[in-house]
Structure formats: C-alpha cells, structure tokens
Amino acid sequence: MITNEKQRLLSYIGLARKAGKLICGTDMVCDAIRDGKIKLVVVSDSVSANTQKRITNCAKYYNVTLKTAEGITPAELGAALGKSDMACVGVTDSGFCELILGISSRK
C-alpha cells in the first residue's frame, strides 16, 4: 500500500522526469554525480547491498545529498517513471530537490 507521503514523492519524481530534470539508473546517476550534474539522489530502500554501497559512496565522495525512499521498492520507483525496476534516480534541478526533501517536513 502506498501512503500519502510515498505517493507525493513518486509524483514529484514523475514530474521531474517529465521536465527533463531527472537521471535514471545506477550507472547513469553515478556518472552524472561525477560530472557535477546531480543535486539529489533518491534511492529505493530495498536495493541490493552492493548497489546501496555504490550509490552511497559516490554521493558521499562528491558531497551530494542522498535520500532513501522509505518503503518504496524499485518496482514502484520504476513504475512512477514508466520503466521497469529502478534502483535510484538523480535530480538535477534545485527546485525539485527542495520539493522532494520537503515532503517529510510537511507531516
């Protein structure tokens, strides 16, 4: 079951994709972090340990904010983007970053 907070997060991620402000997939996100394009990484909380470590290490090294999407599976994250399973996404726009990070503070 998707809660209100999870649905809002998935909606904002979908809007960011439609606006062209989102990069999808672990490899592409890590490359974009290295290029300095990513401002926020949203990662599913049920990815493999290896993928989690890879994304976390890359984000920490390049000082990029990392948000774990609590209770959102890679299938749900992918469905919000019209794709199959998606471990993580990278947001390139600061406005969308503020929206996504502000979700948990609005409770």
N, C-alpha and C. Protein backbone atom coordinates (compact mmCIF):
# COMPACT_ATOMS: atom_id res chain seq x y z
N MET A 1 0.83 -1.18 0.00
CA MET A 1 0.00 0.00 0.00
C MET A 1 0.88 1.25 0.00
N ILE A 2 0.50 2.22 -0.82
CA ILE A 2 1.28 3.44 -0.93
C ILE A 2 0.62 4.52 -0.08
N THR A 3 1.39 5.07 0.85
CA THR A 3 0.87 6.13 1.71
C THR A 3 0.89 7.46 0.97
N ASN A 4 0.31 8.46 1.61
CA ASN A 4 0.25 9.80 1.04
C ASN A 4 1.65 10.36 0.77
N GLU A 5 2.55 10.19 1.73
CA GLU A 5 3.92 10.69 1.59
C GLU A 5 4.65 9.99 0.45
N LYS A 6 4.50 8.68 0.35
CA LYS A 6 5.16 7.94 -0.73
C LYS A 6 4.58 8.34 -2.08
N GLN A 7 3.26 8.52 -2.15
CA GLN A 7 2.63 8.91 -3.40
C GLN A 7 3.10 10.30 -3.84
N ARG A 8 3.26 11.20 -2.90
CA ARG A 8 3.75 12.55 -3.20
C ARG A 8 5.18 12.48 -3.73
N LEU A 9 6.02 11.68 -3.10
CA LEU A 9 7.40 11.53 -3.55
C LEU A 9 7.44 10.98 -4.98
N LEU A 10 6.67 9.94 -5.24
CA LEU A 10 6.64 9.35 -6.58
C LEU A 10 6.09 10.35 -7.60
N SER A 11 5.12 11.16 -7.21
CA SER A 11 4.56 12.18 -8.12
C SER A 11 5.60 13.23 -8.47
N TYR A 12 6.36 13.71 -7.46
CA TYR A 12 7.40 14.70 -7.72
C TYR A 12 8.50 14.13 -8.61
N ILE A 13 8.84 12.88 -8.39
CA ILE A 13 9.85 12.24 -9.23
C ILE A 13 9.35 12.14 -10.67
N GLY A 14 8.08 11.78 -10.84
CA GLY A 14 7.49 11.72 -12.18
C GLY A 14 7.47 13.08 -12.86
N LEU A 15 7.14 14.13 -12.10
CA LEU A 15 7.15 15.49 -12.66
C LEU A 15 8.56 15.91 -13.07
N ALA A 16 9.54 15.57 -12.24
CA ALA A 16 10.93 15.91 -12.57
C ALA A 16 11.36 15.22 -13.86
N ARG A 17 10.92 13.99 -14.05
CA ARG A 17 11.26 13.27 -15.28
C ARG A 17 10.63 13.93 -16.49
N LYS A 18 9.36 14.31 -16.37
CA LYS A 18 8.68 14.97 -17.48
C LYS A 18 9.32 16.31 -17.81
N ALA A 19 9.86 16.98 -16.80
CA ALA A 19 10.53 18.26 -17.00
C ALA A 19 11.96 18.10 -17.52
N GLY A 20 12.44 16.87 -17.59
CA GLY A 20 13.80 16.63 -18.07
C GLY A 20 14.85 16.92 -17.02
N LYS A 21 14.47 16.87 -15.75
CA LYS A 21 15.39 17.18 -14.65
C LYS A 21 15.76 15.95 -13.83
N LEU A 22 15.69 14.78 -14.45
CA LEU A 22 15.92 13.53 -13.73
C LEU A 22 16.82 12.62 -14.55
N ILE A 23 17.72 11.94 -13.86
CA ILE A 23 18.58 10.93 -14.49
C ILE A 23 18.28 9.61 -13.80
N CYS A 24 18.04 8.58 -14.61
CA CYS A 24 17.59 7.28 -14.09
C CYS A 24 18.66 6.21 -14.24
N GLY A 25 18.74 5.36 -13.24
CA GLY A 25 19.64 4.21 -13.30
C GLY A 25 20.95 4.43 -12.58
N THR A 26 21.43 3.39 -11.94
CA THR A 26 22.62 3.48 -11.11
C THR A 26 23.85 3.96 -11.86
N ASP A 27 24.14 3.38 -13.01
CA ASP A 27 25.33 3.76 -13.77
C ASP A 27 25.26 5.21 -14.23
N MET A 28 24.11 5.60 -14.78
CA MET A 28 23.96 6.97 -15.28
C MET A 28 23.98 7.99 -14.14
N VAL A 29 23.40 7.63 -13.00
CA VAL A 29 23.40 8.53 -11.85
C VAL A 29 24.82 8.72 -11.33
N CYS A 30 25.57 7.64 -11.18
CA CYS A 30 26.95 7.75 -10.70
C CYS A 30 27.81 8.57 -11.66
N ASP A 31 27.62 8.39 -12.96
CA ASP A 31 28.37 9.19 -13.95
C ASP A 31 28.00 10.66 -13.84
N ALA A 32 26.70 10.96 -13.67
CA ALA A 32 26.25 12.35 -13.57
C ALA A 32 26.72 12.99 -12.26
N ILE A 33 26.82 12.21 -11.19
CA ILE A 33 27.36 12.74 -9.94
C ILE A 33 28.81 13.16 -10.15
N ARG A 34 29.58 12.32 -10.81
CA ARG A 34 30.99 12.64 -11.09
C ARG A 34 31.13 13.88 -11.96
N ASP A 35 30.14 14.10 -12.86
CA ASP A 35 30.17 15.27 -13.75
C ASP A 35 29.63 16.53 -13.07
N GLY A 36 29.12 16.39 -11.84
CA GLY A 36 28.60 17.54 -11.10
C GLY A 36 27.21 17.97 -11.49
N LYS A 37 26.45 17.10 -12.14
CA LYS A 37 25.10 17.46 -12.60
C LYS A 37 24.01 17.19 -11.56
N ILE A 38 24.26 16.26 -10.65
CA ILE A 38 23.22 15.81 -9.71
C ILE A 38 23.26 16.63 -8.43
N LYS A 39 22.08 17.04 -7.97
CA LYS A 39 21.96 17.77 -6.70
C LYS A 39 21.37 16.89 -5.60
N LEU A 40 20.63 15.84 -5.99
CA LEU A 40 19.97 14.94 -5.03
C LEU A 40 19.84 13.56 -5.65
N VAL A 41 20.13 12.55 -4.85
CA VAL A 41 19.93 11.16 -5.29
C VAL A 41 18.85 10.55 -4.41
N VAL A 42 17.85 9.96 -5.06
CA VAL A 42 16.79 9.24 -4.34
C VAL A 42 16.98 7.76 -4.65
N VAL A 43 17.16 6.97 -3.60
CA VAL A 43 17.42 5.54 -3.77
C VAL A 43 16.35 4.74 -3.05
N SER A 44 15.92 3.67 -3.68
CA SER A 44 14.93 2.77 -3.08
C SER A 44 15.56 2.10 -1.85
N ASP A 45 14.75 1.85 -0.84
CA ASP A 45 15.31 1.25 0.38
C ASP A 45 15.49 -0.25 0.27
N SER A 46 15.05 -0.85 -0.83
CA SER A 46 15.17 -2.31 -0.94
C SER A 46 16.08 -2.73 -2.10
N VAL A 47 17.11 -1.95 -2.37
CA VAL A 47 18.09 -2.35 -3.39
C VAL A 47 19.12 -3.27 -2.76
N SER A 48 19.90 -3.91 -3.59
CA SER A 48 20.92 -4.82 -3.06
C SER A 48 21.98 -4.04 -2.28
N ALA A 49 22.67 -4.73 -1.40
CA ALA A 49 23.69 -4.11 -0.57
C ALA A 49 24.81 -3.52 -1.42
N ASN A 50 25.18 -4.20 -2.48
CA ASN A 50 26.24 -3.72 -3.37
C ASN A 50 25.83 -2.41 -4.06
N THR A 51 24.60 -2.37 -4.57
CA THR A 51 24.11 -1.16 -5.23
C THR A 51 23.99 -0.02 -4.23
N GLN A 52 23.48 -0.30 -3.04
CA GLN A 52 23.35 0.71 -1.99
C GLN A 52 24.71 1.31 -1.65
N LYS A 53 25.71 0.45 -1.51
CA LYS A 53 27.05 0.91 -1.16
C LYS A 53 27.65 1.75 -2.28
N ARG A 54 27.45 1.32 -3.50
CA ARG A 54 28.00 2.04 -4.65
C ARG A 54 27.41 3.46 -4.74
N ILE A 55 26.10 3.56 -4.60
CA ILE A 55 25.43 4.86 -4.69
C ILE A 55 25.83 5.75 -3.51
N THR A 56 25.81 5.17 -2.32
CA THR A 56 26.13 5.93 -1.11
C THR A 56 27.57 6.46 -1.16
N ASN A 57 28.51 5.60 -1.52
CA ASN A 57 29.91 6.03 -1.59
C ASN A 57 30.12 7.14 -2.62
N CYS A 58 29.48 7.00 -3.76
CA CYS A 58 29.62 8.01 -4.81
C CYS A 58 29.03 9.34 -4.35
N ALA A 59 27.85 9.30 -3.75
CA ALA A 59 27.20 10.53 -3.28
C ALA A 59 28.01 11.19 -2.17
N LYS A 60 28.52 10.41 -1.24
CA LYS A 60 29.31 10.98 -0.14
C LYS A 60 30.61 11.60 -0.65
N TYR A 61 31.29 10.91 -1.54
CA TYR A 61 32.56 11.39 -2.05
C TYR A 61 32.41 12.74 -2.75
N TYR A 62 31.33 12.89 -3.53
CA TYR A 62 31.10 14.12 -4.28
C TYR A 62 30.17 15.10 -3.55
N ASN A 63 29.87 14.81 -2.28
CA ASN A 63 29.08 15.69 -1.43
C ASN A 63 27.69 16.00 -2.02
N VAL A 64 27.00 14.94 -2.45
CA VAL A 64 25.65 15.05 -3.00
C VAL A 64 24.67 14.50 -1.97
N THR A 65 23.56 15.19 -1.78
CA THR A 65 22.54 14.76 -0.82
C THR A 65 21.92 13.45 -1.28
N LEU A 66 21.74 12.53 -0.34
CA LEU A 66 21.16 11.22 -0.62
C LEU A 66 19.91 11.05 0.22
N LYS A 67 18.80 10.69 -0.43
CA LYS A 67 17.55 10.43 0.28
C LYS A 67 17.13 9.00 0.00
N THR A 68 16.91 8.25 1.06
CA THR A 68 16.40 6.89 0.91
C THR A 68 14.88 6.95 0.88
N ALA A 69 14.31 6.38 -0.15
CA ALA A 69 12.85 6.37 -0.32
C ALA A 69 12.29 5.23 0.53
N GLU A 70 11.94 5.55 1.76
CA GLU A 70 11.45 4.55 2.72
C GLU A 70 10.18 3.87 2.21
N GLY A 71 10.23 2.56 2.16
CA GLY A 71 9.06 1.77 1.78
C GLY A 71 8.74 1.75 0.31
N ILE A 72 9.61 2.31 -0.52
CA ILE A 72 9.37 2.31 -1.96
C ILE A 72 10.32 1.30 -2.60
N THR A 73 9.73 0.36 -3.29
CA THR A 73 10.51 -0.69 -3.96
C THR A 73 11.03 -0.19 -5.30
N PRO A 74 12.04 -0.85 -5.85
CA PRO A 74 12.50 -0.47 -7.18
C PRO A 74 11.39 -0.58 -8.23
N ALA A 75 10.47 -1.51 -8.06
CA ALA A 75 9.35 -1.64 -9.00
C ALA A 75 8.44 -0.42 -8.94
N GLU A 76 8.16 0.07 -7.73
CA GLU A 76 7.32 1.26 -7.58
C GLU A 76 8.01 2.50 -8.12
N LEU A 77 9.30 2.61 -7.86
CA LEU A 77 10.07 3.75 -8.37
C LEU A 77 10.10 3.72 -9.90
N GLY A 78 10.31 2.56 -10.46
CA GLY A 78 10.30 2.41 -11.91
C GLY A 78 8.94 2.70 -12.52
N ALA A 79 7.88 2.25 -11.86
CA ALA A 79 6.53 2.48 -12.36
C ALA A 79 6.20 3.98 -12.42
N ALA A 80 6.71 4.75 -11.47
CA ALA A 80 6.48 6.20 -11.46
C ALA A 80 7.14 6.87 -12.66
N LEU A 81 8.13 6.20 -13.24
CA LEU A 81 8.87 6.74 -14.37
C LEU A 81 8.49 6.10 -15.69
N GLY A 82 7.57 5.13 -15.63
CA GLY A 82 7.18 4.43 -16.85
C GLY A 82 8.22 3.45 -17.31
N LYS A 83 9.01 2.94 -16.38
CA LYS A 83 10.08 1.99 -16.69
C LYS A 83 9.94 0.76 -15.80
N SER A 84 10.84 -0.19 -16.00
CA SER A 84 10.87 -1.35 -15.11
C SER A 84 11.61 -0.97 -13.83
N ASP A 85 12.03 -1.93 -13.06
CA ASP A 85 12.67 -1.67 -11.76
C ASP A 85 13.77 -0.61 -11.87
N MET A 86 13.76 0.33 -10.92
CA MET A 86 14.73 1.41 -10.90
C MET A 86 15.29 1.53 -9.49
N ALA A 87 16.60 1.33 -9.33
CA ALA A 87 17.22 1.38 -8.00
C ALA A 87 17.33 2.80 -7.48
N CYS A 88 17.65 3.75 -8.37
CA CYS A 88 17.84 5.13 -7.92
C CYS A 88 17.58 6.10 -9.06
N VAL A 89 17.38 7.35 -8.68
CA VAL A 89 17.25 8.43 -9.64
C VAL A 89 18.05 9.62 -9.12
N GLY A 90 18.51 10.45 -10.02
CA GLY A 90 19.24 11.65 -9.66
C GLY A 90 18.49 12.88 -10.14
N VAL A 91 18.31 13.84 -9.26
CA VAL A 91 17.59 15.07 -9.59
C VAL A 91 18.61 16.16 -9.89
N THR A 92 18.43 16.84 -11.02
CA THR A 92 19.39 17.85 -11.44
C THR A 92 18.93 19.28 -11.17
N ASP A 93 17.71 19.46 -10.72
CA ASP A 93 17.14 20.80 -10.51
C ASP A 93 16.96 21.07 -9.02
N SER A 94 17.41 22.23 -8.55
CA SER A 94 17.32 22.54 -7.12
C SER A 94 15.87 22.74 -6.66
N GLY A 95 14.99 23.20 -7.52
CA GLY A 95 13.59 23.36 -7.15
C GLY A 95 12.93 22.02 -6.84
N PHE A 96 13.17 21.03 -7.67
CA PHE A 96 12.63 19.70 -7.41
C PHE A 96 13.29 19.08 -6.18
N CYS A 97 14.56 19.39 -5.96
CA CYS A 97 15.24 18.89 -4.75
C CYS A 97 14.54 19.40 -3.50
N GLU A 98 14.21 20.68 -3.49
CA GLU A 98 13.51 21.27 -2.34
C GLU A 98 12.15 20.63 -2.13
N LEU A 99 11.42 20.38 -3.22
CA LEU A 99 10.11 19.72 -3.10
C LEU A 99 10.25 18.33 -2.50
N ILE A 100 11.18 17.57 -3.03
CA ILE A 100 11.35 16.19 -2.59
C ILE A 100 11.85 16.13 -1.15
N LEU A 101 12.81 16.96 -0.80
CA LEU A 101 13.34 16.95 0.56
C LEU A 101 12.35 17.54 1.56
N GLY A 102 11.44 18.37 1.09
CA GLY A 102 10.46 18.99 1.97
C GLY A 102 9.27 18.11 2.30
N ILE A 103 9.15 16.96 1.66
CA ILE A 103 7.99 16.09 1.89
C ILE A 103 7.90 15.65 3.33
N SER A 104 8.99 15.17 3.90
CA SER A 104 8.95 14.63 5.26
C SER A 104 8.79 15.73 6.30
N SER A 105 9.10 16.98 5.96
CA SER A 105 8.96 18.06 6.93
C SER A 105 7.55 18.62 6.97
N ARG A 106 6.68 18.20 6.05
CA ARG A 106 5.31 18.70 5.98
C ARG A 106 4.30 17.88 6.75
N LYS A 107 4.72 16.86 7.43
CA LYS A 107 3.79 15.96 8.11
C LYS A 107 2.86 16.69 9.06
